[in-house]
Amino acid sequence: MFSWLKSLFSAVIRAFKKFIAKVFTSATQRIIGELKDYAVEVVSTLEDLDLTNEKRRKEAFKQIKEEAEKRAIEIRDSVINLLIEMAVQYIKNT
């Protein structure tokens, strides 16, 4: 029953990776690569707190932006939002 869902999810991930490769510059891809694990960690930690989704999103945004600054990475707000969404989807599907 879940094999079709897993196949569908894998196909969506492959398509998304192709989309990322076409839409984002190599610098943006590098930034995503550098911060994706941190974003998953932050979103996962915030998931357990008694906060609204909007407060979780704002806190995740703040923490990811601060981490990027610590690492001397210039990052656009849209990329932070993308990192948050990717982390949420990753957590939901694991």
Protein backbone atom coordinates (compact mmCIF):
# COMPACT_ATOMS: atom_id res chain seq x y z
CA MET A 1 0.00 0.00 0.00
CA PHE A 2 2.77 2.45 0.89
CA SER A 3 5.04 1.47 -2.00
CA TRP A 4 3.05 3.62 -4.44
CA LEU A 5 3.26 6.54 -2.02
CA LYS A 6 7.00 6.05 -1.67
CA SER A 7 7.35 5.89 -5.48
CA LEU A 8 5.27 9.03 -5.85
CA PHE A 9 7.30 10.87 -3.23
CA SER A 10 10.56 9.77 -4.91
CA ALA A 11 9.30 11.05 -8.25
CA VAL A 12 8.31 14.37 -6.70
CA ILE A 13 11.75 14.71 -5.07
CA ARG A 14 13.50 13.97 -8.39
CA ALA A 15 11.34 16.55 -10.16
CA PHE A 16 11.98 19.07 -7.40
CA LYS A 17 15.74 18.55 -7.64
CA LYS A 18 15.57 19.20 -11.40
CA PHE A 19 13.49 22.31 -10.71
CA ILE A 20 16.03 23.56 -8.15
CA ALA A 21 18.88 22.97 -10.57
CA LYS A 22 17.17 25.05 -13.26
CA VAL A 23 15.78 27.85 -11.11
CA PHE A 24 18.51 28.55 -8.62
CA THR A 25 22.05 29.63 -9.27
CA SER A 26 24.88 27.42 -8.15
CA ALA A 27 25.50 29.84 -5.26
CA THR A 28 21.93 29.42 -4.03
CA GLN A 29 22.22 25.65 -4.40
CA ARG A 30 25.40 25.76 -2.31
CA ILE A 31 23.64 27.79 0.39
CA ILE A 32 20.75 25.33 0.48
CA GLY A 33 23.22 22.48 0.72
CA GLU A 34 25.08 24.13 3.58
CA LEU A 35 22.01 24.97 5.64
CA LYS A 36 19.54 22.16 4.87
CA ASP A 37 20.62 19.92 7.76
CA TYR A 38 20.50 22.83 10.17
CA ALA A 39 17.02 23.78 8.89
CA VAL A 40 15.75 20.22 9.46
CA GLU A 41 17.20 20.28 12.98
CA VAL A 42 15.53 23.62 13.79
CA VAL A 43 12.15 22.68 12.33
CA SER A 44 12.25 19.31 14.07
CA THR A 45 13.00 20.94 17.44
CA LEU A 46 10.26 23.54 17.01
CA GLU A 47 7.75 20.85 16.03
CA ASP A 48 7.60 19.68 19.66
CA LEU A 49 6.90 23.12 21.12
CA ASP A 50 3.43 24.38 21.91
CA LEU A 51 3.43 27.16 19.30
CA THR A 52 1.21 28.09 16.41
CA ASN A 53 2.49 27.22 12.95
CA GLU A 54 3.12 30.90 12.25
CA LYS A 55 5.19 31.31 15.43
CA ARG A 56 7.16 28.17 14.55
CA ARG A 57 7.82 29.52 11.07
CA LYS A 58 8.96 32.89 12.41
CA GLU A 59 11.25 31.25 14.96
CA ALA A 60 12.70 28.87 12.37
CA PHE A 61 13.27 31.83 10.05
CA LYS A 62 15.06 33.76 12.81
CA GLN A 63 17.27 30.84 13.80
CA ILE A 64 18.23 29.96 10.22
CA LYS A 65 19.02 33.60 9.43
CA GLU A 66 21.18 33.86 12.56
CA GLU A 67 23.03 30.65 11.65
CA ALA A 68 23.65 31.95 8.13
CA GLU A 69 25.08 35.16 9.60
CA LYS A 70 27.35 33.15 11.94
CA ARG A 71 28.62 31.25 8.92
CA ALA A 72 29.03 34.50 6.95
CA ILE A 73 26.47 33.38 4.38
CA GLU A 74 24.40 36.00 2.60
CA ILE A 75 20.93 34.55 2.16
CA ARG A 76 17.69 35.93 0.74
CA ASP A 77 14.46 35.64 2.72
CA SER A 78 12.96 33.53 -0.07
CA VAL A 79 15.74 30.96 0.31
CA ILE A 80 15.17 30.78 4.08
CA ASN A 81 11.47 30.22 3.46
CA LEU A 82 12.32 27.50 0.94
CA LEU A 83 14.63 25.83 3.46
CA ILE A 84 11.85 25.84 6.05
CA GLU A 85 9.34 24.33 3.64
CA MET A 86 11.82 21.69 2.49
CA ALA A 87 12.53 20.79 6.11
CA VAL A 88 8.83 20.53 6.94
CA GLN A 89 8.22 18.25 3.97
CA TYR A 90 11.25 16.14 4.82
CA ILE A 91 10.07 15.65 8.40
CA LYS A 92 6.50 14.85 7.33
CA ASN A 93 7.71 12.20 4.91
CA THR A 94 10.26 10.39 7.07
